[in-house]
Structure formats: C-alpha cells, structure tokens
C-alpha cells in the first residue's frame, strides 16, 4: 500500500510517500525558519502564505523522489489538527481536493498521533506496553501505550510546552529562533549545577507538566545577574559566550530534563512498562536522550526515539499514522474540518 502524507500544521510544509507501513520512499520538508526568524517566532498569516506557495511543489517533489506518480497513490493522510488554523486549512484542502480527483480515500490525522507513530516508523519492534512522550515547542504530553494504536493520555502540560520554555530563554539572551538547538549545543560548555531551578509542584496532585514557572525564573535570573544578551547575528562560538550565560543555559536545560524524567518516573508507577518512546522536536535534545537512556535502561526499560529528521514536523509520521487506518478500510468524510484545538486522548477508529 502506498500512502501520501501531508503536514502543514505550523511552519513546515511537508509531504512524504510511505509503502507498506515502514518503507519510507521519500520525505520532503520546506522550512519557513528564514521567514519567521526575524520575528522571533511563527507569524500565522505568513505561515499560511508560505504553505500556499509550497504545497504543490513539495508534493510533486515527494512523488518524484519516491519514483511514483499520482495514480500509484492508494490513500492520503493529512494533518487535521491541532495547529494554526490557516496553515492546517492549506494542507487539508489540498489533500481533500487531490483525494477527490483521484478517487482515493483520505484520513485526517492528529498531529500528536503522528509524532507517536514516528518512533515505530524506525523502530517497529519497540516493546509494549510503553510510555510515549510527545515533547516539542507546542506540545508536552505523556501517553500510556498498550499497543501501537492503543493510547491513553495520562499527563500534559498545564501551561507552556518544554520547547516553548527553551525558545523563550534563547530569545531573551539573543540566541535567536528556534533557540532550543542552540541551547543544547552551548550547554555542553556550561556547569548545569551553577544555577538552581526547582521542580514545579502541582497542587492538585495530578500527573502533569508545567514550564511557566521555569520561564519566569529564567527571566528573573537574567535580570538579577545582568547577563548581557548577545547581539543579533553574533557568532555562537562558546569561546565568545560568557561563562555566566553558558552556566545559565546548562542549568536551565537541566531543569527541563529533570522535570521530564521526574514525570516519566511517576508515569511508571502502577504500570508494567517495557519501553519509553520519545518524539517531537525536543526529543532531539542530546541531554534528554543521554540522561533518559542512562536513567531507564539500567532498569531494563528500553528508550526509543526517531532520527533527527523525524523529530521535527514532517509528513512521514503523518503517513505512518494514517496508513494504519487506511489499511483497516477507514476514511474520513469530505466535510472534515481543520481543528486548531483538536484534542487527542489516543487513536480512535472512525469510518466514513
């Protein structure tokens, strides 16, 4: 079975061709980082315009790279939410139009469901039951996976996502956007114990993430310590960055990872778990990968994560999640709408 995946939930226009579940024939991503960089974040209207300009070209490149034509597509999977309304609409409208013209079925895929599927795309033998953590600039959610398509959300962030917290500090000290990867690189030269950040306490007692307090603490520390932000366009050479700033970055990143490991530990309680599965842009963070493997694999729990190109928004993960539904004969109706706030508590079979 050949599935065309389309992703346009935020600032990446992506298309991918997947065959029989895990044979990725092509994956094309048109990044908008250069467009949004000067604004320090994604501008929704500009993102929508870029998607309109890129969608046809990206799909055609994906098909060409896979060596197949439109007539070879058996089904189409497209992100239907959550995300930016205008951005989602571009991908969904294109997918529905293409499916209608070809007489092929299509399914809308939840963006988080796609991230979860990205792990199995490269690690189809990953053990279950599992804890699956989706951690990115827009999401920090933890799922109990009884099987590849059986997910239950057991924790989410009450405020900001982990990636948003990293990007906030990066912007404040002049590291640019996106700042998470820059913090990851520079943190290796700092002392992660130099600045103390406490773990958030959830008064309700529920299992949840919270990064707003860390963001505020980081802002206050920069103000108190009088750390001078780097100038725009400055070289990010560690030798040219102050020791105080390097220590702050290392300590701040450590606090993010500390909270993630603490919540994963709490998620294990009362559950038989065979593996931890990390996905989303922040799952590419080297400190998170290193510490999570050391923390859990010594206890006999394997840790899996995708290759870097599959951690950020991409269409391969959407194709992987959608193909599971298409193989079961599931489709979505033509009036399926883009939903910027589409909830996800786990894959739920639908037919139409």
Protein backbone atom coordinates (compact mmCIF):
# COMPACT_ATOMS: atom_id res chain seq x y z
CA UNK A 1 0.00 0.00 0.00
CA UNK A 2 1.32 3.45 -0.92
CA UNK A 3 0.25 6.40 1.21
CA UNK A 4 0.88 10.08 0.57
CA UNK A 5 1.29 12.03 3.82
CA UNK A 6 0.82 15.82 4.03
CA UNK A 7 1.74 18.03 7.01
CA UNK A 8 1.12 21.80 7.34
CA UNK A 9 0.16 22.37 10.95
CA UNK A 10 2.66 25.14 11.71
CA UNK A 11 5.66 26.42 9.76
CA UNK A 12 6.80 23.34 7.80
CA UNK A 13 5.20 22.33 4.50
CA UNK A 14 5.88 18.62 4.17
CA UNK A 15 4.96 15.63 2.03
CA UNK A 16 6.11 12.01 2.20
CA UNK A 17 5.43 8.73 0.44
CA UNK A 18 5.22 5.58 2.56
CA UNK A 19 4.90 1.99 1.37
CA UNK A 20 3.57 -0.89 3.44
CA UNK A 21 3.89 0.76 6.83
CA UNK A 22 7.62 1.33 7.23
CA UNK A 23 9.23 1.71 3.80
CA UNK A 24 9.76 5.45 3.55
CA UNK A 25 10.19 6.14 -0.17
CA UNK A 26 10.59 9.91 0.18
CA UNK A 27 10.21 12.75 2.67
CA UNK A 28 10.33 16.42 1.68
CA UNK A 29 10.13 19.37 4.07
CA UNK A 30 10.05 23.05 3.07
CA UNK A 31 11.15 25.01 6.13
CA UNK A 32 9.96 28.54 6.89
CA UNK A 33 12.61 29.26 9.53
CA UNK A 34 14.18 32.05 7.47
CA UNK A 35 10.78 33.74 7.09
CA UNK A 36 9.96 33.77 10.80
CA UNK A 37 13.46 34.14 12.27
CA UNK A 38 13.42 37.94 12.41
CA UNK A 39 10.13 37.90 14.32
CA UNK A 40 11.42 35.52 17.00
CA UNK A 41 8.54 33.11 16.41
CA UNK A 42 5.98 31.90 13.89
CA UNK A 43 3.68 34.54 12.35
CA UNK A 44 0.44 32.67 11.45
CA UNK A 45 -0.50 34.77 8.40
CA UNK A 46 2.97 34.46 6.90
CA UNK A 47 2.96 30.72 7.58
CA UNK A 48 -0.30 30.27 5.67
CA UNK A 49 1.03 32.19 2.67
CA UNK A 50 4.19 30.09 2.61
CA UNK A 51 2.15 26.88 2.70
CA UNK A 52 0.08 28.04 -0.28
CA UNK A 53 3.27 28.76 -2.22
CA UNK A 54 4.95 25.48 -1.29
CA UNK A 55 2.27 22.77 -1.16
CA UNK A 56 2.15 21.78 -4.84
CA UNK A 57 5.91 21.84 -5.25
CA UNK A 58 6.53 19.78 -2.09
CA UNK A 59 4.02 17.07 -3.03
CA UNK A 60 5.39 16.81 -6.57
CA UNK A 61 8.95 16.54 -5.23
CA UNK A 62 7.90 13.80 -2.81
CA UNK A 63 6.27 11.77 -5.58
CA UNK A 64 9.24 12.29 -7.87
CA UNK A 65 11.66 11.24 -5.15
CA UNK A 66 9.65 8.10 -4.50
CA UNK A 67 9.56 7.27 -8.20
CA UNK A 68 5.76 7.08 -8.30
CA UNK A 69 3.00 9.08 -9.94
CA UNK A 70 -0.32 10.33 -8.61
CA UNK A 71 -2.05 7.22 -10.00
CA UNK A 72 0.06 4.99 -7.70
CA UNK A 73 -1.30 6.57 -4.50
CA UNK A 74 -3.66 4.24 -2.62
CA UNK A 75 -4.66 6.75 0.05
CA UNK A 76 -3.85 10.16 1.52
CA UNK A 77 -3.19 11.09 5.15
CA UNK A 78 -3.16 14.73 6.21
CA UNK A 79 -2.82 16.62 9.49
CA UNK A 80 -6.23 17.94 10.55
CA UNK A 81 -5.17 19.43 13.90
CA UNK A 82 -4.04 20.76 16.26
CA UNK A 83 -2.09 23.68 14.84
CA UNK A 84 -2.54 27.07 13.20
CA UNK A 85 -5.98 27.32 11.60
CA UNK A 86 -4.88 28.85 8.29
CA UNK A 87 -1.88 26.55 7.99
CA UNK A 88 -3.94 23.42 8.62
CA UNK A 89 -6.54 24.55 6.10
CA UNK A 90 -3.99 24.68 3.27
CA UNK A 91 -2.87 21.08 3.71
CA UNK A 92 -6.33 19.68 4.39
CA UNK A 93 -7.92 21.46 1.41
CA UNK A 94 -5.18 20.25 -0.92
CA UNK A 95 -5.45 16.67 0.38
CA UNK A 96 -9.23 16.55 0.00
CA UNK A 97 -9.07 18.00 -3.50
CA UNK A 98 -6.40 15.51 -4.55
CA UNK A 99 -8.24 12.57 -3.00
CA UNK A 100 -11.48 13.56 -4.73
CA UNK A 101 -9.83 13.97 -8.14
CA UNK A 102 -8.05 10.61 -7.85
CA UNK A 103 -10.99 8.76 -6.33
CA UNK A 104 -8.86 7.73 -3.34
CA UNK A 105 -9.70 7.61 0.38
CA UNK A 106 -8.20 10.12 2.80
CA UNK A 107 -7.91 10.35 6.58
CA UNK A 108 -7.26 13.29 8.88
CA UNK A 109 -4.51 12.62 11.41
CA UNK A 110 -3.96 14.26 14.78
CA UNK A 111 -0.51 15.85 14.85
CA UNK A 112 0.33 14.18 18.19
CA UNK A 113 -0.72 10.80 16.81
CA UNK A 114 1.77 11.38 14.02
CA UNK A 115 4.62 12.10 16.43
CA UNK A 116 3.87 8.89 18.31
CA UNK A 117 3.91 6.95 15.04
CA UNK A 118 7.32 8.42 14.10
CA UNK A 119 9.02 6.18 16.66
CA UNK A 120 7.50 2.99 15.26
CA UNK A 121 8.38 4.06 11.73
CA UNK A 122 12.03 3.38 12.56
CA UNK A 123 11.61 1.00 15.49
CA UNK A 124 8.73 -1.32 14.50
CA UNK A 125 9.81 -3.88 17.11
CA UNK A 126 9.64 -1.44 20.05
CA UNK A 127 8.21 -3.21 23.06
CA UNK A 128 4.77 -2.58 24.59
CA UNK A 129 3.26 -1.55 26.94
CA UNK A 130 5.10 1.77 26.68
CA UNK A 131 5.13 5.36 27.84
CA UNK A 132 5.13 7.69 24.83
CA UNK A 133 6.21 11.28 25.40
CA UNK A 134 5.49 13.91 22.74
CA UNK A 135 7.72 16.87 23.58
CA UNK A 136 8.09 19.88 21.30
CA UNK A 137 7.60 23.63 21.02
CA UNK A 138 3.84 23.27 21.10
CA UNK A 139 3.23 20.03 22.98
CA UNK A 140 4.34 18.17 26.08
CA UNK A 141 2.06 15.19 26.58
CA UNK A 142 2.55 11.71 28.02
CA UNK A 143 0.64 8.63 26.84
CA UNK A 144 0.27 5.11 28.16
CA UNK A 145 0.51 2.88 25.08
CA UNK A 146 -0.87 -0.63 25.44
CA UNK A 147 -0.09 -1.25 21.78
CA UNK A 148 0.85 0.65 18.60
CA UNK A 149 -2.68 2.05 18.22
CA UNK A 150 -3.87 1.94 21.84
CA UNK A 151 -3.01 5.18 23.60
CA UNK A 152 -4.31 6.89 26.72
CA UNK A 153 -3.15 10.38 27.67
CA UNK A 154 -2.01 10.36 31.30
CA UNK A 155 -0.29 13.76 31.55
CA UNK A 156 0.02 17.04 29.69
CA UNK A 157 1.43 20.48 30.32
CA UNK A 158 -0.80 22.79 32.30
CA UNK A 159 0.68 25.87 30.65
CA UNK A 160 3.75 26.07 28.40
CA UNK A 161 5.42 23.32 26.39
CA UNK A 162 9.03 22.33 27.07
CA UNK A 163 10.23 23.61 23.70
CA UNK A 164 8.48 26.92 24.26
CA UNK A 165 10.34 27.34 27.56
CA UNK A 166 13.67 26.71 25.84
CA UNK A 167 12.86 29.10 22.99
CA UNK A 168 11.77 31.80 25.46
CA UNK A 169 15.11 31.88 27.24
CA UNK A 170 17.00 31.64 23.95
CA UNK A 171 15.17 34.69 22.60
CA UNK A 172 15.72 36.62 25.84
CA UNK A 173 19.51 36.18 25.72
CA UNK A 174 19.88 36.74 21.99
CA UNK A 175 20.28 33.17 20.71
CA UNK A 176 17.63 33.65 18.04
CA UNK A 177 14.79 31.39 16.88
CA UNK A 178 14.49 28.47 17.09
CA UNK A 179 16.67 28.54 20.19
CA UNK A 180 16.34 25.04 21.61
CA UNK A 181 19.08 23.51 19.41
CA UNK A 182 21.44 26.41 20.22
CA UNK A 183 20.89 25.94 23.97
CA UNK A 184 21.58 22.22 23.51
CA UNK A 185 24.91 22.92 21.80
CA UNK A 186 26.13 25.69 24.13
CA UNK A 187 25.03 23.90 27.32
CA UNK A 188 27.82 21.37 26.88
CA UNK A 189 30.28 24.12 27.84
CA UNK A 190 28.44 25.27 30.98
CA UNK A 191 28.01 23.98 34.53
CA UNK A 192 24.49 22.51 34.90
CA UNK A 193 24.67 22.87 38.69
CA UNK A 194 25.61 26.56 38.68
CA UNK A 195 22.03 27.86 38.90
CA UNK A 196 19.34 26.13 40.95
CA UNK A 197 15.84 25.85 39.46
CA UNK A 198 13.23 23.96 41.45
CA UNK A 199 10.80 21.40 40.07
CA UNK A 200 7.20 22.66 39.89
CA UNK A 201 4.74 21.30 42.43
CA UNK A 202 1.27 20.53 41.10
CA UNK A 203 -1.14 21.47 43.90
CA UNK A 204 -3.90 19.19 42.63
CA UNK A 205 -1.63 16.18 42.88
CA UNK A 206 -2.28 15.17 39.27
CA UNK A 207 0.45 13.93 36.97
CA UNK A 208 1.20 16.96 34.80
CA UNK A 209 3.97 19.13 33.37
CA UNK A 210 4.41 22.86 33.96
CA UNK A 211 7.12 25.10 32.49
CA UNK A 212 5.72 28.60 33.06
CA UNK A 213 7.43 28.87 36.44
CA UNK A 214 10.78 27.91 34.93
CA UNK A 215 10.33 30.54 32.21
CA UNK A 216 9.65 33.21 34.83
CA UNK A 217 12.60 32.09 36.94
CA UNK A 218 14.87 32.30 33.92
CA UNK A 219 13.71 35.83 33.13
CA UNK A 220 14.24 36.93 36.75
CA UNK A 221 17.71 35.40 36.84
CA UNK A 222 18.78 37.21 33.67
CA UNK A 223 17.57 40.48 35.19
CA UNK A 224 19.31 39.94 38.55
CA UNK A 225 22.59 38.72 37.13
CA UNK A 226 22.68 41.43 34.47
CA UNK A 227 23.67 38.96 31.77
CA UNK A 228 24.09 40.92 28.57
CA UNK A 229 22.13 39.38 25.66
CA UNK A 230 24.17 38.50 22.60
CA UNK A 231 23.83 40.84 19.67
CA UNK A 232 21.72 39.75 16.70
CA UNK A 233 23.83 37.86 14.20
CA UNK A 234 26.60 37.18 16.72
CA UNK A 235 28.69 34.05 16.27
CA UNK A 236 27.56 31.33 18.68
CA UNK A 237 31.14 30.30 19.43
CA UNK A 238 31.27 29.03 23.05
CA UNK A 239 34.61 30.78 23.48
CA UNK A 240 32.87 34.10 22.80
CA UNK A 241 29.95 33.48 25.20
CA UNK A 242 30.30 34.48 28.85
CA UNK A 243 30.70 31.79 31.49
CA UNK A 244 27.65 33.12 33.33
CA UNK A 245 25.48 32.67 30.24
CA UNK A 246 26.84 29.21 29.50
CA UNK A 247 26.13 28.16 33.08
CA UNK A 248 22.60 29.57 32.91
CA UNK A 249 21.85 27.68 29.69
CA UNK A 250 23.20 24.41 31.06
CA UNK A 251 21.27 24.78 34.34
CA UNK A 252 18.05 25.77 32.60
CA UNK A 253 18.24 22.83 30.19
CA UNK A 254 18.99 20.50 33.12
CA UNK A 255 15.82 21.70 34.85
CA UNK A 256 13.74 20.88 31.77
CA UNK A 257 15.21 17.38 31.59
CA UNK A 258 14.88 16.91 35.37
CA UNK A 259 11.15 17.56 35.15
CA UNK A 260 10.69 15.24 32.18
CA UNK A 261 12.48 12.37 33.93
CA UNK A 262 10.55 13.02 37.15
CA UNK A 263 7.20 12.83 35.31
CA UNK A 264 8.23 9.71 33.42
CA UNK A 265 9.16 8.11 36.74
CA UNK A 266 5.74 8.97 38.13
CA UNK A 267 4.11 7.59 34.96
CA UNK A 268 5.74 4.21 35.62
CA UNK A 269 4.06 3.82 39.00
CA UNK A 270 1.48 1.07 39.00
CA UNK A 271 2.10 0.24 35.35
CA UNK A 272 4.08 -2.53 33.67
CA UNK A 273 6.14 -0.65 31.10
CA UNK A 274 8.59 -2.23 28.64
CA UNK A 275 9.80 0.87 26.79
CA UNK A 276 9.91 4.67 26.80
CA UNK A 277 9.23 6.28 23.41
CA UNK A 278 10.25 9.93 22.88
CA UNK A 279 9.09 12.03 19.93
CA UNK A 280 8.71 15.66 18.88
CA UNK A 281 11.33 18.33 18.30
CA UNK A 282 12.72 18.41 21.86
CA UNK A 283 13.27 14.63 21.76
CA UNK A 284 16.29 15.51 19.61
CA UNK A 285 17.90 17.23 22.62
CA UNK A 286 21.17 15.41 23.32
CA UNK A 287 20.96 15.82 27.11
CA UNK A 288 17.43 14.40 27.21
CA UNK A 289 18.45 11.42 25.09
CA UNK A 290 21.60 10.69 27.08
CA UNK A 291 20.04 11.03 30.51
CA UNK A 292 16.82 9.18 29.68
CA UNK A 293 18.74 6.18 28.36
CA UNK A 294 21.02 6.13 31.41
CA UNK A 295 18.06 6.62 33.76
CA UNK A 296 15.78 3.90 32.38
CA UNK A 297 17.83 1.33 30.50
CA UNK A 298 19.70 0.43 33.68
CA UNK A 299 16.31 -0.67 34.99
CA UNK A 300 15.59 -2.82 31.94
CA UNK A 301 13.35 -0.29 30.16
CA UNK A 302 14.43 0.46 26.59
CA UNK A 303 14.32 4.06 25.33
CA UNK A 304 13.47 4.77 21.68
CA UNK A 305 13.42 7.99 19.66
CA UNK A 306 13.34 8.83 15.94
CA UNK A 307 16.19 10.10 13.78
CA UNK A 308 16.59 13.91 13.97
CA UNK A 309 14.80 14.47 10.63
CA UNK A 310 11.69 12.74 12.02
CA UNK A 311 11.58 14.63 15.32
CA UNK A 312 10.50 17.96 13.86
CA UNK A 313 7.25 18.38 11.92
CA UNK A 314 7.27 16.06 8.91
CA UNK A 315 4.83 14.17 6.71
CA UNK A 316 6.41 10.73 7.12
CA UNK A 317 4.91 10.45 10.59
CA UNK A 318 1.50 11.55 9.29
CA UNK A 319 1.67 8.91 6.55
CA UNK A 320 2.66 6.25 9.10
CA UNK A 321 -0.26 7.04 11.42
CA UNK A 322 -2.72 7.39 8.54
CA UNK A 323 -1.72 4.18 6.79
CA UNK A 324 -2.77 2.14 9.83
CA UNK A 325 -6.30 3.49 9.40
CA UNK A 326 -6.36 3.21 5.64
CA UNK A 327 -5.30 -0.44 5.84
CA UNK A 328 -8.35 -1.08 8.03
CA UNK A 329 -10.59 0.48 5.40
CA UNK A 330 -11.22 3.66 7.36
CA UNK A 331 -11.83 7.01 5.67
CA UNK A 332 -12.95 10.47 6.69
CA UNK A 333 -15.89 12.44 5.23
CA UNK A 334 -15.40 15.23 2.70
CA UNK A 335 -16.69 17.78 5.20
CA UNK A 336 -13.89 17.08 7.70
CA UNK A 337 -12.77 20.43 9.11
CA UNK A 338 -9.37 21.65 10.29
CA UNK A 339 -9.41 21.96 14.08
CA UNK A 340 -6.68 24.16 15.65
CA UNK A 341 -7.52 22.73 19.09
CA UNK A 342 -8.16 19.13 18.08
CA UNK A 343 -7.98 17.05 21.27
CA UNK A 344 -6.13 13.76 21.35
CA UNK A 345 -6.53 11.13 24.01
CA UNK A 346 -5.43 8.29 21.78
CA UNK A 347 -6.21 6.89 18.31
CA UNK A 348 -9.94 6.31 17.92
CA UNK A 349 -11.25 4.28 14.96
CA UNK A 350 -13.51 6.16 12.59
CA UNK A 351 -15.14 5.25 9.36
CA UNK A 352 -16.98 7.15 6.71
